[in-house]
Amino acid sequence: MVMIEEQLAPVLRSAAGQRKYRVGILGATGMVGQRFVQLLERHPQFEVMAPAASDRSQGQRYAKACNWRLPGELPESVRSSEKTSDSIA
């Protein structure tokens, strides 16, 4: 599941001047969440800012909490992202 955080984070502009939305991915350490991370890595209109998972991963960097299972390397843009819990305030 991908959520757009327009109210929490301002819309960015890409180098081409397109709107670029900051997004969070719930369940980012699971297979489906990893696929969303992978698909959005080079998307021109989205920037993954908040990979979120269960409370077990709270406070861990994404690279440590995620056992990357997809082909290819863990995307650099989320490698050092701070983890959050799955609760939404």
N, C-alpha and C. Protein backbone atom coordinates (compact mmCIF):
# COMPACT_ATOMS: atom_id res chain seq x y z
N MET A 1 0.85 -1.16 0.00
CA MET A 1 0.00 0.00 0.00
C MET A 1 0.91 1.24 0.00
N VAL A 2 0.58 2.18 -0.81
CA VAL A 2 1.34 3.43 -0.90
C VAL A 2 0.43 4.57 -0.49
N MET A 3 0.92 5.43 0.38
CA MET A 3 0.12 6.59 0.77
C MET A 3 0.85 7.86 0.40
N ILE A 4 0.13 8.81 -0.11
CA ILE A 4 0.72 10.10 -0.46
C ILE A 4 0.58 11.03 0.73
N GLU A 5 1.67 11.64 1.11
CA GLU A 5 1.68 12.50 2.29
C GLU A 5 1.71 13.98 1.91
N GLU A 6 0.79 14.40 1.09
CA GLU A 6 0.79 15.79 0.63
C GLU A 6 0.69 16.78 1.77
N GLN A 7 -0.10 16.48 2.80
CA GLN A 7 -0.27 17.43 3.89
C GLN A 7 0.93 17.46 4.81
N LEU A 8 1.67 16.35 4.90
CA LEU A 8 2.81 16.28 5.81
C LEU A 8 4.11 16.74 5.17
N ALA A 9 4.25 16.55 3.88
CA ALA A 9 5.49 16.91 3.21
C ALA A 9 5.15 17.66 1.92
N PRO A 10 5.84 18.74 1.66
CA PRO A 10 5.54 19.51 0.46
C PRO A 10 5.84 18.73 -0.81
N VAL A 11 5.15 19.09 -1.86
CA VAL A 11 5.39 18.48 -3.17
C VAL A 11 6.71 19.00 -3.70
N LEU A 12 7.53 18.11 -4.20
CA LEU A 12 8.82 18.48 -4.76
C LEU A 12 8.68 18.71 -6.26
N ARG A 13 9.68 19.25 -6.86
CA ARG A 13 9.73 19.38 -8.31
C ARG A 13 10.94 18.62 -8.81
N SER A 14 10.74 17.80 -9.83
CA SER A 14 11.86 17.08 -10.41
C SER A 14 12.69 18.04 -11.25
N ALA A 15 13.81 17.56 -11.75
CA ALA A 15 14.67 18.39 -12.58
C ALA A 15 13.94 18.89 -13.82
N ALA A 16 12.98 18.11 -14.31
CA ALA A 16 12.22 18.49 -15.49
C ALA A 16 11.05 19.40 -15.13
N GLY A 17 10.89 19.72 -13.85
CA GLY A 17 9.80 20.62 -13.44
C GLY A 17 8.50 19.91 -13.15
N GLN A 18 8.48 18.57 -13.21
CA GLN A 18 7.26 17.82 -12.91
C GLN A 18 7.04 17.80 -11.40
N ARG A 19 5.77 17.68 -11.01
CA ARG A 19 5.46 17.50 -9.60
C ARG A 19 6.03 16.17 -9.14
N LYS A 20 6.59 16.14 -7.96
CA LYS A 20 7.14 14.91 -7.40
C LYS A 20 6.58 14.75 -5.99
N TYR A 21 5.84 13.67 -5.76
CA TYR A 21 5.18 13.43 -4.49
C TYR A 21 6.04 12.58 -3.58
N ARG A 22 6.11 12.97 -2.32
CA ARG A 22 6.79 12.17 -1.30
C ARG A 22 5.79 11.13 -0.82
N VAL A 23 6.21 9.87 -0.78
CA VAL A 23 5.29 8.80 -0.41
C VAL A 23 5.89 7.92 0.68
N GLY A 24 5.02 7.23 1.37
CA GLY A 24 5.41 6.21 2.34
C GLY A 24 4.89 4.88 1.86
N ILE A 25 5.57 3.81 2.22
CA ILE A 25 5.15 2.46 1.83
C ILE A 25 4.94 1.66 3.10
N LEU A 26 3.70 1.24 3.33
CA LEU A 26 3.39 0.39 4.48
C LEU A 26 3.76 -1.04 4.15
N GLY A 27 4.37 -1.73 5.09
CA GLY A 27 4.79 -3.10 4.86
C GLY A 27 6.00 -3.19 3.95
N ALA A 28 6.88 -2.20 4.02
CA ALA A 28 8.00 -2.08 3.08
C ALA A 28 9.03 -3.18 3.18
N THR A 29 9.07 -3.92 4.28
CA THR A 29 10.07 -4.99 4.40
C THR A 29 9.58 -6.31 3.81
N GLY A 30 8.29 -6.44 3.55
CA GLY A 30 7.75 -7.65 2.95
C GLY A 30 7.97 -7.69 1.44
N MET A 31 7.63 -8.80 0.82
CA MET A 31 7.86 -8.96 -0.62
C MET A 31 7.12 -7.92 -1.45
N VAL A 32 5.85 -7.69 -1.14
CA VAL A 32 5.06 -6.72 -1.91
C VAL A 32 5.59 -5.31 -1.65
N GLY A 33 5.90 -5.00 -0.41
CA GLY A 33 6.47 -3.69 -0.09
C GLY A 33 7.80 -3.46 -0.78
N GLN A 34 8.64 -4.50 -0.84
CA GLN A 34 9.92 -4.40 -1.53
C GLN A 34 9.70 -4.12 -3.02
N ARG A 35 8.69 -4.74 -3.58
CA ARG A 35 8.40 -4.51 -5.00
C ARG A 35 7.97 -3.06 -5.23
N PHE A 36 7.16 -2.52 -4.31
CA PHE A 36 6.77 -1.11 -4.43
C PHE A 36 8.01 -0.21 -4.36
N VAL A 37 8.91 -0.51 -3.42
CA VAL A 37 10.15 0.27 -3.30
C VAL A 37 10.91 0.22 -4.63
N GLN A 38 11.01 -0.97 -5.18
CA GLN A 38 11.75 -1.16 -6.44
C GLN A 38 11.09 -0.41 -7.60
N LEU A 39 9.77 -0.49 -7.69
CA LEU A 39 9.06 0.18 -8.78
C LEU A 39 9.12 1.70 -8.69
N LEU A 40 9.08 2.22 -7.47
CA LEU A 40 9.07 3.66 -7.29
C LEU A 40 10.47 4.27 -7.29
N GLU A 41 11.51 3.44 -7.25
CA GLU A 41 12.90 3.92 -7.18
C GLU A 41 13.22 4.93 -8.28
N ARG A 42 12.81 4.65 -9.48
CA ARG A 42 13.15 5.54 -10.61
C ARG A 42 11.91 6.22 -11.22
N HIS A 43 10.82 6.20 -10.49
CA HIS A 43 9.59 6.81 -11.01
C HIS A 43 9.75 8.33 -11.00
N PRO A 44 9.39 9.00 -12.08
CA PRO A 44 9.61 10.45 -12.16
C PRO A 44 8.70 11.28 -11.26
N GLN A 45 7.59 10.71 -10.75
CA GLN A 45 6.66 11.52 -9.98
C GLN A 45 6.60 11.18 -8.49
N PHE A 46 7.38 10.19 -8.03
CA PHE A 46 7.33 9.80 -6.63
C PHE A 46 8.72 9.68 -6.03
N GLU A 47 8.82 9.99 -4.74
CA GLU A 47 10.06 9.81 -3.99
C GLU A 47 9.70 9.09 -2.69
N VAL A 48 10.25 7.91 -2.47
CA VAL A 48 9.97 7.15 -1.26
C VAL A 48 10.68 7.81 -0.09
N MET A 49 9.89 8.28 0.87
CA MET A 49 10.44 8.99 2.02
C MET A 49 10.25 8.21 3.32
N ALA A 50 9.25 7.33 3.36
CA ALA A 50 8.92 6.67 4.62
C ALA A 50 8.59 5.20 4.42
N PRO A 51 9.62 4.34 4.34
CA PRO A 51 9.30 2.91 4.33
C PRO A 51 8.90 2.49 5.74
N ALA A 52 7.73 1.93 5.91
CA ALA A 52 7.22 1.58 7.24
C ALA A 52 6.99 0.08 7.33
N ALA A 53 7.12 -0.45 8.55
CA ALA A 53 6.90 -1.87 8.78
C ALA A 53 6.35 -2.06 10.19
N SER A 54 6.39 -3.28 10.68
CA SER A 54 5.84 -3.58 11.99
C SER A 54 6.69 -2.99 13.11
N ASP A 55 6.17 -3.06 14.32
CA ASP A 55 6.87 -2.53 15.49
C ASP A 55 8.21 -3.22 15.73
N ARG A 56 8.38 -4.45 15.23
CA ARG A 56 9.66 -5.17 15.38
C ARG A 56 10.81 -4.39 14.75
N SER A 57 10.50 -3.63 13.72
CA SER A 57 11.54 -2.91 12.97
C SER A 57 11.66 -1.45 13.36
N GLN A 58 10.86 -1.01 14.29
CA GLN A 58 10.83 0.41 14.65
C GLN A 58 12.21 0.92 15.03
N GLY A 59 12.60 2.04 14.45
CA GLY A 59 13.87 2.69 14.75
C GLY A 59 15.07 2.14 14.01
N GLN A 60 14.90 1.03 13.29
CA GLN A 60 16.02 0.47 12.52
C GLN A 60 16.09 1.10 11.14
N ARG A 61 17.27 1.17 10.60
CA ARG A 61 17.43 1.60 9.21
C ARG A 61 16.80 0.53 8.31
N TYR A 62 16.28 0.95 7.18
CA TYR A 62 15.61 0.03 6.26
C TYR A 62 16.53 -1.13 5.86
N ALA A 63 17.78 -0.84 5.58
CA ALA A 63 18.72 -1.88 5.14
C ALA A 63 18.91 -2.96 6.19
N LYS A 64 18.85 -2.60 7.45
CA LYS A 64 19.02 -3.58 8.52
C LYS A 64 17.74 -4.38 8.75
N ALA A 65 16.61 -3.71 8.69
CA ALA A 65 15.32 -4.35 8.97
C ALA A 65 14.82 -5.21 7.82
N CYS A 66 15.26 -4.91 6.62
CA CYS A 66 14.75 -5.58 5.43
C CYS A 66 15.70 -6.67 4.95
N ASN A 67 15.18 -7.87 4.78
CA ASN A 67 15.94 -8.95 4.17
C ASN A 67 15.58 -8.92 2.68
N TRP A 68 16.33 -8.15 1.89
CA TRP A 68 16.01 -7.91 0.48
C TRP A 68 16.01 -9.23 -0.28
N ARG A 69 14.88 -9.58 -0.91
CA ARG A 69 14.73 -10.86 -1.59
C ARG A 69 14.54 -10.73 -3.10
N LEU A 70 14.45 -9.52 -3.58
CA LEU A 70 14.21 -9.33 -5.01
C LEU A 70 15.53 -9.31 -5.78
N PRO A 71 15.47 -9.59 -7.08
CA PRO A 71 16.69 -9.51 -7.89
C PRO A 71 17.24 -8.08 -7.87
N GLY A 72 18.53 -7.97 -7.90
CA GLY A 72 19.16 -6.65 -7.88
C GLY A 72 19.47 -6.23 -6.46
N GLU A 73 20.11 -5.08 -6.36
CA GLU A 73 20.52 -4.54 -5.07
C GLU A 73 19.40 -3.74 -4.42
N LEU A 74 19.51 -3.59 -3.11
CA LEU A 74 18.61 -2.72 -2.37
C LEU A 74 18.79 -1.30 -2.90
N PRO A 75 17.70 -0.62 -3.31
CA PRO A 75 17.84 0.73 -3.85
C PRO A 75 18.54 1.69 -2.88
N GLU A 76 19.49 2.43 -3.40
CA GLU A 76 20.29 3.36 -2.60
C GLU A 76 19.43 4.41 -1.90
N SER A 77 18.36 4.84 -2.55
CA SER A 77 17.53 5.92 -2.00
C SER A 77 16.86 5.56 -0.68
N VAL A 78 16.64 4.27 -0.41
CA VAL A 78 15.99 3.86 0.83
C VAL A 78 16.93 3.12 1.77
N ARG A 79 18.14 2.87 1.32
CA ARG A 79 19.10 2.08 2.11
C ARG A 79 19.28 2.63 3.53
N SER A 80 19.38 3.93 3.69
CA SER A 80 19.61 4.50 5.02
C SER A 80 18.36 5.13 5.63
N SER A 81 17.20 4.90 5.00
CA SER A 81 15.97 5.47 5.53
C SER A 81 15.68 4.94 6.93
N GLU A 82 15.22 5.83 7.78
CA GLU A 82 14.85 5.45 9.13
C GLU A 82 13.52 4.71 9.07
N LYS A 83 13.40 3.64 9.84
CA LYS A 83 12.16 2.86 9.88
C LYS A 83 11.17 3.49 10.83
N THR A 84 9.91 3.26 10.59
CA THR A 84 8.87 3.67 11.51
C THR A 84 7.98 2.47 11.79
N SER A 85 7.10 2.58 12.75
CA SER A 85 6.18 1.49 13.04
C SER A 85 5.04 1.52 12.04
N ASP A 86 4.18 0.51 12.10
CA ASP A 86 3.07 0.46 11.16
C ASP A 86 1.87 1.28 11.64
N SER A 87 1.94 1.87 12.82
CA SER A 87 0.82 2.68 13.30
C SER A 87 0.83 4.04 12.60
N ILE A 88 -0.34 4.50 12.28
CA ILE A 88 -0.49 5.79 11.60
C ILE A 88 -1.17 6.76 12.56
N ALA A 89 -0.50 7.86 12.82
CA ALA A 89 -1.06 8.85 13.76
C ALA A 89 -1.92 9.83 13.03
